[in-house]
Amino acid sequence: MLIRLLVLAGFSLFAGCATAGELNRVLVERTPSPKGSAPAYTLDISGDGSVRYEGHGHVKVAGVAEGSISAADWKLLELAVEGADFFAMQDHYGSSSLGCTSTWNHHPTINITVTRGGATKRVSYYTGCWGLREGKLISWLADTADMVADSGRWIHESFEDAL
């Protein structure tokens, strides 16, 4: 419950008031870092509550695992997507020309694809691009998807691994 309250507080901080739309699917892909050990996986969450995880590298569970989320958790994810104004974001964030205050090499990328009705939007964020408000929103949205799907059970060996 505390985690959900923190997510809602983050939602309020970043987005203010927003209206939830009819989402069908949220897909989060965390790519491997070229020279690091960041977890690489895909998390596919559907509006019917089904969750499909596929671990690619530096994760506890490599391969496919399945789970589910509650209707309340799906609603929370809908609110996060709408609150982040996801459909108004650019398709890509990651070069200094887009407003990065600094750029670091060898970081992973977060790709988020959201389907709402018949429209699909994909946003890619290279996490080595620092200083962008949108980068913080994309990271927060990916973390929210991880939280509602409880993906840590597939990614980390223990709580200490998540730190």
Protein backbone atom coordinates (compact mmCIF):
# COMPACT_ATOMS: atom_id res chain seq x y z
CA MET A 1 0.00 0.00 0.00
CA LEU A 2 2.84 2.39 0.81
CA ILE A 3 4.38 1.82 -2.61
CA ARG A 4 1.10 2.65 -4.33
CA LEU A 5 0.81 5.84 -2.30
CA LEU A 6 4.34 6.82 -3.33
CA VAL A 7 3.51 6.16 -6.98
CA LEU A 8 0.38 8.27 -6.71
CA ALA A 9 2.41 11.03 -5.05
CA GLY A 10 4.89 10.84 -7.91
CA PHE A 11 2.01 10.95 -10.36
CA SER A 12 0.71 14.12 -8.73
CA LEU A 13 4.16 15.68 -8.65
CA PHE A 14 4.90 15.08 -12.34
CA ALA A 15 1.51 15.43 -13.91
CA GLY A 16 -1.05 17.25 -11.84
CA CYS A 17 -4.56 16.30 -12.94
CA ALA A 18 -5.01 14.01 -15.92
CA THR A 19 -7.81 12.01 -17.40
CA ALA A 20 -7.28 8.29 -17.83
CA GLY A 21 -7.91 6.93 -21.31
CA GLU A 22 -8.79 3.50 -22.59
CA LEU A 23 -5.47 1.73 -22.71
CA ASN A 24 -5.08 -1.76 -24.13
CA ARG A 25 -1.43 -2.53 -23.56
CA VAL A 26 1.80 -1.22 -22.03
CA LEU A 27 5.08 -2.75 -23.18
CA VAL A 28 8.34 -1.86 -21.41
CA GLU A 29 11.68 -2.96 -22.79
CA ARG A 30 14.89 -2.35 -20.89
CA THR A 31 17.88 -2.96 -23.14
CA PRO A 32 21.28 -4.14 -21.96
CA SER A 33 23.97 -1.57 -21.41
CA PRO A 34 26.87 -2.03 -23.83
CA LYS A 35 29.49 -2.48 -21.10
CA GLY A 36 27.44 -2.98 -17.98
CA SER A 37 25.27 -5.39 -16.10
CA ALA A 38 21.91 -3.64 -16.14
CA PRO A 39 18.96 -6.06 -16.28
CA ALA A 40 17.62 -6.50 -19.81
CA TYR A 41 14.02 -7.67 -20.19
CA THR A 42 10.65 -7.04 -21.77
CA LEU A 43 7.47 -6.58 -19.72
CA ASP A 44 4.15 -6.75 -21.57
CA ILE A 45 1.07 -5.77 -19.56
CA SER A 46 -2.43 -6.01 -21.07
CA GLY A 47 -5.65 -4.34 -20.05
CA ASP A 48 -7.14 -7.73 -19.20
CA GLY A 49 -4.56 -7.99 -16.39
CA SER A 50 -2.22 -10.47 -18.05
CA VAL A 51 1.52 -9.94 -17.72
CA ARG A 52 4.20 -11.51 -19.89
CA TYR A 53 7.85 -11.11 -18.91
CA GLU A 54 10.85 -12.14 -20.98
CA GLY A 55 14.28 -11.95 -19.39
CA HIS A 56 17.18 -11.33 -21.77
CA GLY A 57 20.22 -10.81 -19.57
CA HIS A 58 21.47 -10.01 -16.05
CA VAL A 59 18.15 -11.18 -14.57
CA LYS A 60 17.10 -13.88 -12.12
CA VAL A 61 14.74 -15.53 -14.63
CA ALA A 62 15.95 -15.78 -18.22
CA GLY A 63 13.21 -16.56 -20.70
CA VAL A 64 9.46 -16.24 -20.37
CA ALA A 65 7.35 -15.97 -17.22
CA GLU A 66 3.73 -14.98 -16.81
CA GLY A 67 1.69 -13.28 -14.15
CA SER A 68 -1.26 -10.99 -13.68
CA ILE A 69 -2.24 -7.69 -12.12
CA SER A 70 -5.44 -6.50 -10.51
CA ALA A 71 -7.90 -4.09 -12.11
CA ALA A 72 -6.80 -1.47 -9.57
CA ASP A 73 -3.16 -1.87 -10.60
CA TRP A 74 -4.11 -1.57 -14.28
CA LYS A 75 -6.02 1.64 -13.44
CA LEU A 76 -2.93 2.97 -11.66
CA LEU A 77 -0.84 2.22 -14.77
CA GLU A 78 -3.44 3.95 -16.98
CA LEU A 79 -3.29 7.02 -14.75
CA ALA A 80 0.50 7.03 -14.88
CA VAL A 81 0.54 6.85 -18.69
CA GLU A 82 -2.00 9.64 -19.02
CA GLY A 83 -0.39 11.72 -16.27
CA ALA A 84 2.99 11.51 -17.99
CA ASP A 85 1.27 12.79 -21.15
CA PHE A 86 2.88 9.86 -22.92
CA PHE A 87 1.12 10.35 -26.26
CA ALA A 88 2.44 13.93 -26.51
CA MET A 89 6.09 12.87 -26.02
CA GLN A 90 8.66 12.77 -28.77
CA ASP A 91 9.50 9.34 -30.17
CA HIS A 92 13.12 9.45 -29.02
CA TYR A 93 15.13 11.11 -26.26
CA GLY A 94 18.85 10.67 -26.07
CA SER A 95 20.99 13.07 -28.03
CA SER A 96 22.39 16.35 -26.78
CA SER A 97 20.39 18.19 -29.43
CA LEU A 98 17.21 17.29 -27.56
CA GLY A 99 18.16 19.07 -24.36
CA CYS A 100 20.35 16.66 -22.42
CA THR A 101 22.39 18.61 -19.90
CA SER A 102 25.03 15.87 -20.10
CA THR A 103 25.40 12.61 -21.98
CA TRP A 104 27.11 9.52 -20.62
CA ASN A 105 28.20 6.48 -22.61
CA HIS A 106 27.39 2.82 -22.00
CA HIS A 107 23.92 3.21 -20.50
CA PRO A 108 20.83 1.14 -21.27
CA THR A 109 17.78 2.35 -23.15
CA ILE A 110 14.16 2.20 -22.00
CA ASN A 111 11.58 1.68 -24.73
CA ILE A 112 7.91 2.02 -23.86
CA THR A 113 5.13 1.18 -26.29
CA VAL A 114 1.53 2.00 -25.35
CA THR A 115 -1.57 1.00 -27.27
CA ARG A 116 -4.71 3.05 -26.71
CA GLY A 117 -7.69 2.14 -28.83
CA GLY A 118 -6.31 1.82 -32.36
CA ALA A 119 -3.27 4.05 -31.76
CA THR A 120 0.16 2.78 -30.79
CA LYS A 121 2.94 5.08 -29.57
CA ARG A 122 6.56 4.10 -28.88
CA VAL A 123 8.98 6.28 -26.92
CA SER A 124 12.66 5.47 -26.57
CA TYR A 125 14.88 6.99 -23.87
CA TYR A 126 18.65 6.52 -23.69
CA THR A 127 19.28 6.71 -19.94
CA GLY A 128 22.73 8.22 -20.46
CA CYS A 129 20.98 11.47 -21.43
CA TRP A 130 20.66 13.38 -18.17
CA GLY A 131 18.70 16.46 -17.28
CA LEU A 132 15.52 15.91 -19.24
CA ARG A 133 12.16 16.09 -17.47
CA GLU A 134 10.84 13.58 -20.04
CA GLY A 135 13.66 11.19 -19.14
CA LYS A 136 12.54 11.26 -15.52
CA LEU A 137 8.93 10.68 -16.58
CA ILE A 138 9.86 7.75 -18.83
CA SER A 139 11.97 6.15 -16.10
CA TRP A 140 9.17 6.70 -13.59
CA LEU A 141 6.61 5.20 -15.96
CA ALA A 142 8.80 2.11 -16.53
CA ASP A 143 9.32 1.79 -12.76
CA THR A 144 5.55 2.05 -12.24
CA ALA A 145 4.97 -0.77 -14.74
CA ASP A 146 7.61 -2.84 -12.91
CA MET A 147 5.92 -2.13 -9.59
CA VAL A 148 2.37 -3.07 -10.64
CA ALA A 149 3.61 -6.23 -12.40
CA ASP A 150 5.88 -7.17 -9.49
CA SER A 151 8.64 -7.81 -12.02
CA GLY A 152 11.31 -7.80 -9.29
CA ARG A 153 10.46 -11.45 -8.61
CA TRP A 154 11.90 -12.30 -12.05
CA ILE A 155 14.70 -9.76 -12.17
CA HIS A 156 16.46 -9.70 -8.78
CA GLU A 157 17.87 -12.50 -6.67
CA SER A 158 17.24 -10.54 -3.48
CA PHE A 159 16.22 -7.11 -2.23
CA GLU A 160 19.87 -6.06 -2.10
CA ASP A 161 20.23 -6.80 -5.81
CA ALA A 162 17.52 -4.23 -6.52
CA LEU A 163 19.42 -1.41 -4.82
